[in-house]
């Protein structure tokens, strides 16, 4: 999938709604850089998608960000996440979930919900998000 293929700028009030949500997702992504357990890349992917429908200028801004921009472009092209980033993401989710359950939550029902959501997150990143290196090797095998 080409980076630009997602672009289809809307007009009218819908354009401003996408622009608003693009900034909300970008802000959450930037917060995720410093807050353990809060994802960065997924919010930047959503921000880029919203900006693709509202402002090509801000879409390009997200795509040109160091590190995060490359991950958004990789996601769009179907490459997924680098193995190292996947390992870090899964580790951070597991640690944040465990610390929350043990130290921050008193109610057993909420602990179970947080643990379940953490497990779903770990499962999703571990098994549903493609691993960049694996996708590249499969593409190379397909070209031969």
N, C-alpha and C. Protein backbone atom coordinates (compact mmCIF):
# COMPACT_ATOMS: atom_id res chain seq x y z
N UNK A 1 0.84 -1.17 0.00
CA UNK A 1 0.00 0.00 0.00
C UNK A 1 0.90 1.24 0.00
N UNK A 2 0.63 2.16 -0.88
CA UNK A 2 1.40 3.39 -0.97
C UNK A 2 1.02 4.31 0.18
N UNK A 3 2.00 5.05 0.68
CA UNK A 3 1.77 5.97 1.80
C UNK A 3 0.65 6.95 1.48
N UNK A 4 0.61 7.44 0.28
CA UNK A 4 -0.37 8.45 -0.08
C UNK A 4 -1.75 7.88 -0.37
N UNK A 5 -1.88 6.56 -0.49
CA UNK A 5 -3.15 5.98 -0.91
C UNK A 5 -4.25 6.16 0.11
N UNK A 6 -3.90 6.38 1.38
CA UNK A 6 -4.91 6.57 2.40
C UNK A 6 -5.49 7.98 2.34
N UNK A 7 -4.80 8.89 1.68
CA UNK A 7 -5.24 10.28 1.62
C UNK A 7 -6.51 10.42 0.80
N UNK A 8 -7.50 10.99 1.42
CA UNK A 8 -8.75 11.36 0.75
C UNK A 8 -9.36 12.48 1.58
N UNK A 9 -8.88 13.69 1.34
CA UNK A 9 -9.24 14.84 2.16
C UNK A 9 -10.73 15.12 2.05
N UNK A 10 -11.35 15.23 3.20
CA UNK A 10 -12.77 15.54 3.30
C UNK A 10 -12.96 17.05 3.25
N UNK A 11 -14.21 17.47 3.12
CA UNK A 11 -14.54 18.89 3.14
C UNK A 11 -15.64 19.13 4.17
N UNK A 12 -15.86 20.39 4.46
CA UNK A 12 -16.93 20.76 5.37
C UNK A 12 -16.64 20.39 6.81
N UNK A 13 -17.69 20.24 7.62
CA UNK A 13 -17.52 19.98 9.05
C UNK A 13 -16.79 18.67 9.34
N UNK A 14 -16.95 17.67 8.47
CA UNK A 14 -16.28 16.37 8.68
C UNK A 14 -14.77 16.56 8.66
N UNK A 15 -14.28 17.43 7.79
CA UNK A 15 -12.84 17.71 7.72
C UNK A 15 -12.33 18.19 9.08
N UNK A 16 -13.07 19.09 9.71
CA UNK A 16 -12.64 19.64 10.99
C UNK A 16 -12.76 18.63 12.12
N UNK A 17 -13.72 17.72 12.00
CA UNK A 17 -13.84 16.65 12.98
C UNK A 17 -12.62 15.73 12.90
N UNK A 18 -12.22 15.34 11.68
CA UNK A 18 -11.01 14.53 11.51
C UNK A 18 -9.77 15.29 11.99
N UNK A 19 -9.70 16.57 11.71
CA UNK A 19 -8.56 17.39 12.15
C UNK A 19 -8.49 17.41 13.67
N UNK A 20 -9.63 17.62 14.32
CA UNK A 20 -9.69 17.64 15.79
C UNK A 20 -9.19 16.31 16.36
N UNK A 21 -9.75 15.20 15.86
CA UNK A 21 -9.34 13.90 16.38
C UNK A 21 -7.88 13.59 16.04
N UNK A 22 -7.39 14.09 14.91
CA UNK A 22 -5.97 13.93 14.59
C UNK A 22 -5.09 14.56 15.66
N UNK A 23 -5.45 15.76 16.09
CA UNK A 23 -4.66 16.42 17.15
C UNK A 23 -4.82 15.72 18.50
N UNK A 24 -6.02 15.22 18.80
CA UNK A 24 -6.23 14.48 20.05
C UNK A 24 -5.34 13.24 20.06
N UNK A 25 -5.37 12.47 18.96
CA UNK A 25 -4.55 11.26 18.90
C UNK A 25 -3.05 11.58 18.92
N UNK A 26 -2.65 12.65 18.25
CA UNK A 26 -1.23 13.04 18.27
C UNK A 26 -0.82 13.43 19.70
N UNK A 27 -1.67 14.16 20.40
CA UNK A 27 -1.36 14.54 21.78
C UNK A 27 -1.23 13.30 22.66
N UNK A 28 -2.15 12.35 22.51
CA UNK A 28 -2.05 11.11 23.28
C UNK A 28 -0.78 10.34 22.92
N UNK A 29 -0.41 10.36 21.66
CA UNK A 29 0.83 9.71 21.24
C UNK A 29 2.05 10.33 21.88
N UNK A 30 2.09 11.66 21.93
CA UNK A 30 3.22 12.34 22.56
C UNK A 30 3.25 12.08 24.06
N UNK A 31 2.09 12.02 24.69
CA UNK A 31 2.02 11.69 26.12
C UNK A 31 2.54 10.26 26.33
N UNK A 32 2.21 9.37 25.38
CA UNK A 32 2.65 7.98 25.47
C UNK A 32 4.16 7.81 25.42
N UNK A 33 4.86 8.81 24.91
CA UNK A 33 6.33 8.73 24.89
C UNK A 33 6.88 8.72 26.30
N UNK A 34 6.24 9.44 27.22
CA UNK A 34 6.77 9.55 28.58
C UNK A 34 5.99 8.76 29.62
N UNK A 35 4.79 8.28 29.29
CA UNK A 35 3.98 7.54 30.25
C UNK A 35 4.06 6.05 29.93
N UNK A 36 4.67 5.27 30.81
CA UNK A 36 4.78 3.83 30.57
C UNK A 36 3.39 3.19 30.47
N UNK A 37 3.24 2.28 29.54
CA UNK A 37 1.98 1.58 29.38
C UNK A 37 1.03 2.25 28.40
N UNK A 38 1.23 3.54 28.11
CA UNK A 38 0.39 4.24 27.14
C UNK A 38 1.09 4.16 25.79
N UNK A 39 0.43 3.58 24.79
CA UNK A 39 1.11 3.40 23.51
C UNK A 39 1.34 4.72 22.78
N UNK A 40 2.39 4.77 22.01
CA UNK A 40 2.70 5.95 21.21
C UNK A 40 2.32 5.70 19.75
N UNK A 41 2.84 4.63 19.19
CA UNK A 41 2.69 4.40 17.75
C UNK A 41 1.24 4.26 17.33
N UNK A 42 0.44 3.53 18.10
CA UNK A 42 -0.95 3.32 17.70
C UNK A 42 -1.70 4.66 17.62
N UNK A 43 -1.43 5.56 18.56
CA UNK A 43 -2.09 6.87 18.51
C UNK A 43 -1.57 7.70 17.34
N UNK A 44 -0.30 7.56 17.01
CA UNK A 44 0.24 8.28 15.86
C UNK A 44 -0.30 7.72 14.55
N UNK A 45 -0.54 6.41 14.50
CA UNK A 45 -1.16 5.81 13.32
C UNK A 45 -2.57 6.38 13.14
N UNK A 46 -3.31 6.45 14.25
CA UNK A 46 -4.67 7.01 14.18
C UNK A 46 -4.64 8.49 13.81
N UNK A 47 -3.66 9.23 14.36
CA UNK A 47 -3.53 10.66 14.03
C UNK A 47 -3.24 10.83 12.54
N UNK A 48 -2.31 10.05 12.01
CA UNK A 48 -1.98 10.15 10.59
C UNK A 48 -3.18 9.83 9.72
N UNK A 49 -3.96 8.85 10.14
CA UNK A 49 -5.16 8.48 9.39
C UNK A 49 -6.17 9.63 9.39
N UNK A 50 -6.37 10.26 10.54
CA UNK A 50 -7.28 11.40 10.62
C UNK A 50 -6.76 12.58 9.80
N UNK A 51 -5.47 12.83 9.87
CA UNK A 51 -4.89 13.93 9.11
C UNK A 51 -4.95 13.65 7.61
N UNK A 52 -4.89 12.38 7.22
CA UNK A 52 -4.99 12.04 5.79
C UNK A 52 -6.35 12.45 5.24
N UNK A 53 -7.32 12.52 6.13
CA UNK A 53 -8.67 12.89 5.71
C UNK A 53 -8.99 14.36 5.95
N UNK A 54 -8.02 15.09 6.53
CA UNK A 54 -8.31 16.48 6.87
C UNK A 54 -7.20 17.46 6.47
N UNK A 55 -5.94 17.05 6.61
CA UNK A 55 -4.84 17.97 6.35
C UNK A 55 -3.58 17.22 5.92
N UNK A 56 -3.30 17.18 4.62
CA UNK A 56 -2.08 16.52 4.14
C UNK A 56 -0.81 17.10 4.79
N UNK A 57 -0.85 18.37 5.15
CA UNK A 57 0.31 19.01 5.80
C UNK A 57 0.60 18.33 7.15
N UNK A 58 -0.43 18.11 7.96
CA UNK A 58 -0.21 17.48 9.26
C UNK A 58 0.04 15.97 9.11
N UNK A 59 -0.53 15.36 8.09
CA UNK A 59 -0.23 13.96 7.83
C UNK A 59 1.27 13.82 7.53
N UNK A 60 1.80 14.68 6.68
CA UNK A 60 3.23 14.66 6.34
C UNK A 60 4.07 14.91 7.60
N UNK A 61 3.60 15.80 8.49
CA UNK A 61 4.30 16.09 9.74
C UNK A 61 4.45 14.80 10.56
N UNK A 62 3.37 14.04 10.70
CA UNK A 62 3.44 12.78 11.45
C UNK A 62 4.39 11.80 10.75
N UNK A 63 4.26 11.68 9.43
CA UNK A 63 5.09 10.72 8.68
C UNK A 63 6.57 11.10 8.70
N UNK A 64 6.87 12.38 8.91
CA UNK A 64 8.26 12.83 8.94
C UNK A 64 8.87 12.86 10.34
N UNK A 65 8.10 12.51 11.37
CA UNK A 65 8.64 12.48 12.73
C UNK A 65 9.73 11.42 12.83
N UNK A 66 10.82 11.72 13.55
CA UNK A 66 11.86 10.70 13.73
C UNK A 66 11.28 9.48 14.46
N UNK A 67 11.68 8.32 14.11
CA UNK A 67 11.31 7.03 14.68
C UNK A 67 9.81 6.71 14.49
N UNK A 68 8.94 7.52 15.05
CA UNK A 68 7.51 7.25 14.99
C UNK A 68 7.00 7.31 13.55
N UNK A 69 7.47 8.27 12.78
CA UNK A 69 7.04 8.39 11.39
C UNK A 69 7.37 7.14 10.59
N UNK A 70 8.54 6.58 10.82
CA UNK A 70 8.93 5.35 10.12
C UNK A 70 8.02 4.19 10.52
N UNK A 71 7.63 4.14 11.78
CA UNK A 71 6.74 3.06 12.24
C UNK A 71 5.35 3.21 11.63
N UNK A 72 4.88 4.44 11.49
CA UNK A 72 3.58 4.68 10.85
C UNK A 72 3.65 4.26 9.38
N UNK A 73 4.73 4.64 8.70
CA UNK A 73 4.89 4.25 7.29
C UNK A 73 4.97 2.73 7.16
N UNK A 74 5.71 2.07 8.07
CA UNK A 74 5.80 0.61 8.04
C UNK A 74 4.43 -0.02 8.24
N UNK A 75 3.65 0.52 9.15
CA UNK A 75 2.30 0.00 9.39
C UNK A 75 1.45 0.11 8.12
N UNK A 76 1.52 1.26 7.48
CA UNK A 76 0.73 1.48 6.27
C UNK A 76 1.14 0.56 5.13
N UNK A 77 2.41 0.20 5.09
CA UNK A 77 2.86 -0.67 4.01
C UNK A 77 2.75 -2.16 4.38
N UNK A 78 2.16 -2.45 5.55
CA UNK A 78 1.93 -3.83 5.95
C UNK A 78 3.11 -4.51 6.61
N UNK A 79 4.14 -3.74 6.97
CA UNK A 79 5.34 -4.34 7.57
C UNK A 79 5.19 -4.65 9.05
N UNK A 80 4.26 -4.01 9.73
CA UNK A 80 4.09 -4.25 11.16
C UNK A 80 5.16 -3.57 11.99
N UNK A 81 5.58 -4.26 13.06
CA UNK A 81 6.55 -3.69 14.01
C UNK A 81 7.87 -4.44 13.95
N UNK A 82 8.97 -3.72 14.17
CA UNK A 82 10.26 -4.42 14.32
C UNK A 82 10.21 -5.35 15.54
N UNK A 83 10.92 -6.45 15.48
CA UNK A 83 10.93 -7.43 16.57
C UNK A 83 11.30 -6.78 17.91
N UNK A 84 12.30 -5.92 17.89
CA UNK A 84 12.74 -5.27 19.14
C UNK A 84 11.63 -4.39 19.71
N UNK A 85 10.94 -3.62 18.86
CA UNK A 85 9.85 -2.76 19.32
C UNK A 85 8.70 -3.60 19.87
N UNK A 86 8.44 -4.72 19.24
CA UNK A 86 7.39 -5.62 19.70
C UNK A 86 7.72 -6.17 21.09
N UNK A 87 8.97 -6.57 21.26
CA UNK A 87 9.41 -7.10 22.56
C UNK A 87 9.27 -6.04 23.64
N UNK A 88 9.70 -4.83 23.34
CA UNK A 88 9.60 -3.73 24.31
C UNK A 88 8.14 -3.43 24.62
N UNK A 89 7.29 -3.37 23.59
CA UNK A 89 5.87 -3.08 23.79
C UNK A 89 5.20 -4.12 24.67
N UNK A 90 5.45 -5.39 24.39
CA UNK A 90 4.86 -6.48 25.18
C UNK A 90 5.37 -6.42 26.61
N UNK A 91 6.66 -6.18 26.79
CA UNK A 91 7.23 -6.09 28.14
C UNK A 91 6.62 -4.94 28.92
N UNK A 92 6.51 -3.78 28.27
CA UNK A 92 5.95 -2.60 28.95
C UNK A 92 4.48 -2.83 29.33
N UNK A 93 3.72 -3.45 28.42
CA UNK A 93 2.31 -3.73 28.74
C UNK A 93 2.21 -4.69 29.92
N UNK A 94 3.03 -5.73 29.91
CA UNK A 94 2.98 -6.71 30.98
C UNK A 94 3.39 -6.09 32.32
N UNK A 95 4.44 -5.29 32.31
CA UNK A 95 4.91 -4.64 33.54
C UNK A 95 3.88 -3.65 34.06
N UNK A 96 3.34 -2.80 33.17
CA UNK A 96 2.35 -1.81 33.58
C UNK A 96 1.10 -2.49 34.13
N UNK A 97 0.67 -3.56 33.48
CA UNK A 97 -0.51 -4.29 33.94
C UNK A 97 -0.25 -4.92 35.31
N UNK A 98 0.88 -5.58 35.46
CA UNK A 98 1.21 -6.23 36.72
C UNK A 98 1.33 -5.22 37.86
N UNK A 99 2.03 -4.11 37.61
CA UNK A 99 2.17 -3.09 38.65
C UNK A 99 0.82 -2.48 39.03
N UNK A 100 -0.03 -2.27 38.05
CA UNK A 100 -1.36 -1.73 38.32
C UNK A 100 -2.17 -2.68 39.18
N UNK A 101 -2.13 -3.96 38.83
CA UNK A 101 -2.90 -4.96 39.58
C UNK A 101 -2.39 -5.09 41.00
N UNK A 102 -1.08 -5.10 41.17
CA UNK A 102 -0.50 -5.34 42.49
C UNK A 102 -0.54 -4.10 43.39
N UNK A 103 -0.21 -2.93 42.83
CA UNK A 103 -0.03 -1.75 43.67
C UNK A 103 -1.11 -0.67 43.56
N UNK A 104 -1.82 -0.60 42.47
CA UNK A 104 -2.69 0.56 42.26
C UNK A 104 -4.18 0.25 42.37
N UNK A 105 -4.56 -1.01 42.32
CA UNK A 105 -5.99 -1.33 42.29
C UNK A 105 -6.34 -2.21 43.49
N UNK A 106 -7.39 -1.79 44.21
CA UNK A 106 -7.81 -2.52 45.40
C UNK A 106 -8.93 -3.51 45.12
N UNK A 107 -9.84 -3.17 44.22
CA UNK A 107 -11.02 -4.01 43.98
C UNK A 107 -10.67 -5.19 43.08
N UNK A 108 -11.07 -6.36 43.52
CA UNK A 108 -10.73 -7.59 42.78
C UNK A 108 -11.35 -7.60 41.38
N UNK A 109 -12.55 -7.10 41.25
CA UNK A 109 -13.20 -7.07 39.94
C UNK A 109 -12.44 -6.21 38.94
N UNK A 110 -11.97 -5.06 39.41
CA UNK A 110 -11.20 -4.16 38.54
C UNK A 110 -9.85 -4.79 38.22
N UNK A 111 -9.26 -5.47 39.18
CA UNK A 111 -7.99 -6.18 38.92
C UNK A 111 -8.16 -7.20 37.81
N UNK A 112 -9.25 -7.94 37.85
CA UNK A 112 -9.51 -8.95 36.84
C UNK A 112 -9.69 -8.30 35.46
N UNK A 113 -10.44 -7.19 35.43
CA UNK A 113 -10.66 -6.49 34.15
C UNK A 113 -9.34 -5.97 33.60
N UNK A 114 -8.54 -5.31 34.44
CA UNK A 114 -7.25 -4.77 33.99
C UNK A 114 -6.34 -5.90 33.52
N UNK A 115 -6.32 -7.00 34.25
CA UNK A 115 -5.51 -8.15 33.84
C UNK A 115 -5.97 -8.71 32.51
N UNK A 116 -7.29 -8.81 32.34
CA UNK A 116 -7.83 -9.31 31.07
C UNK A 116 -7.50 -8.40 29.91
N UNK A 117 -7.66 -7.10 30.10
CA UNK A 117 -7.34 -6.14 29.05
C UNK A 117 -5.84 -6.19 28.73
N UNK A 118 -5.01 -6.31 29.77
CA UNK A 118 -3.57 -6.44 29.55
C UNK A 118 -3.22 -7.68 28.75
N UNK A 119 -3.88 -8.79 29.07
CA UNK A 119 -3.63 -10.03 28.32
C UNK A 119 -4.06 -9.90 26.86
N UNK A 120 -5.19 -9.25 26.64
CA UNK A 120 -5.65 -9.03 25.26
C UNK A 120 -4.63 -8.19 24.49
N UNK A 121 -4.12 -7.13 25.13
CA UNK A 121 -3.11 -6.27 24.50
C UNK A 121 -1.85 -7.04 24.15
N UNK A 122 -1.38 -7.83 25.10
CA UNK A 122 -0.17 -8.63 24.87
C UNK A 122 -0.43 -9.65 23.75
N UNK A 123 -1.57 -10.32 23.78
CA UNK A 123 -1.92 -11.28 22.73
C UNK A 123 -1.98 -10.59 21.37
N UNK A 124 -2.64 -9.43 21.30
CA UNK A 124 -2.81 -8.75 20.03
C UNK A 124 -1.46 -8.35 19.43
N UNK A 125 -0.62 -7.71 20.22
CA UNK A 125 0.69 -7.29 19.71
C UNK A 125 1.55 -8.51 19.39
N UNK A 126 1.48 -9.51 20.23
CA UNK A 126 2.31 -10.70 20.03
C UNK A 126 1.91 -11.55 18.83
N UNK A 127 0.60 -11.66 18.58
CA UNK A 127 0.16 -12.60 17.55
C UNK A 127 -0.55 -11.98 16.36
N UNK A 128 -1.09 -10.82 16.48
CA UNK A 128 -1.85 -10.22 15.39
C UNK A 128 -1.07 -9.15 14.63
N UNK A 129 -0.20 -8.43 15.32
CA UNK A 129 0.61 -7.40 14.66
C UNK A 129 1.77 -8.10 13.97
N UNK A 130 1.92 -7.88 12.66
CA UNK A 130 3.03 -8.53 11.95
C UNK A 130 4.40 -8.09 12.48
N UNK A 131 5.36 -9.00 12.40
CA UNK A 131 6.74 -8.69 12.78
C UNK A 131 7.48 -8.30 11.50
N UNK A 132 8.06 -7.11 11.52
CA UNK A 132 8.69 -6.52 10.33
C UNK A 132 9.67 -7.47 9.65
N UNK A 133 10.56 -8.03 10.44
CA UNK A 133 11.60 -8.91 9.87
C UNK A 133 10.98 -10.13 9.20
N UNK A 134 9.94 -10.68 9.80
CA UNK A 134 9.29 -11.86 9.23
C UNK A 134 8.59 -11.50 7.91
N UNK A 135 7.91 -10.36 7.88
CA UNK A 135 7.22 -9.93 6.65
C UNK A 135 8.24 -9.70 5.54
N UNK A 136 9.36 -9.03 5.86
CA UNK A 136 10.39 -8.77 4.84
C UNK A 136 10.98 -10.07 4.30
N UNK A 137 11.22 -11.05 5.18
CA UNK A 137 11.79 -12.32 4.71
C UNK A 137 10.78 -13.06 3.84
N UNK A 138 9.49 -13.00 4.21
CA UNK A 138 8.46 -13.64 3.38
C UNK A 138 8.35 -12.97 2.02
N UNK A 139 8.48 -11.65 2.00
CA UNK A 139 8.43 -10.92 0.71
C UNK A 139 9.62 -11.29 -0.15
N UNK A 140 10.80 -11.44 0.46
CA UNK A 140 11.98 -11.83 -0.30
C UNK A 140 11.83 -13.23 -0.87
N UNK A 141 11.28 -14.15 -0.07
CA UNK A 141 11.05 -15.52 -0.56
C UNK A 141 10.04 -15.53 -1.70
N UNK A 142 9.04 -14.66 -1.62
CA UNK A 142 8.03 -14.58 -2.67
C UNK A 142 8.57 -14.02 -3.98
N UNK A 143 9.61 -13.18 -3.89
CA UNK A 143 10.21 -12.58 -5.08
C UNK A 143 11.14 -13.54 -5.81
N UNK A 144 11.55 -14.60 -5.13
CA UNK A 144 12.52 -15.53 -5.75
C UNK A 144 11.86 -16.59 -6.55
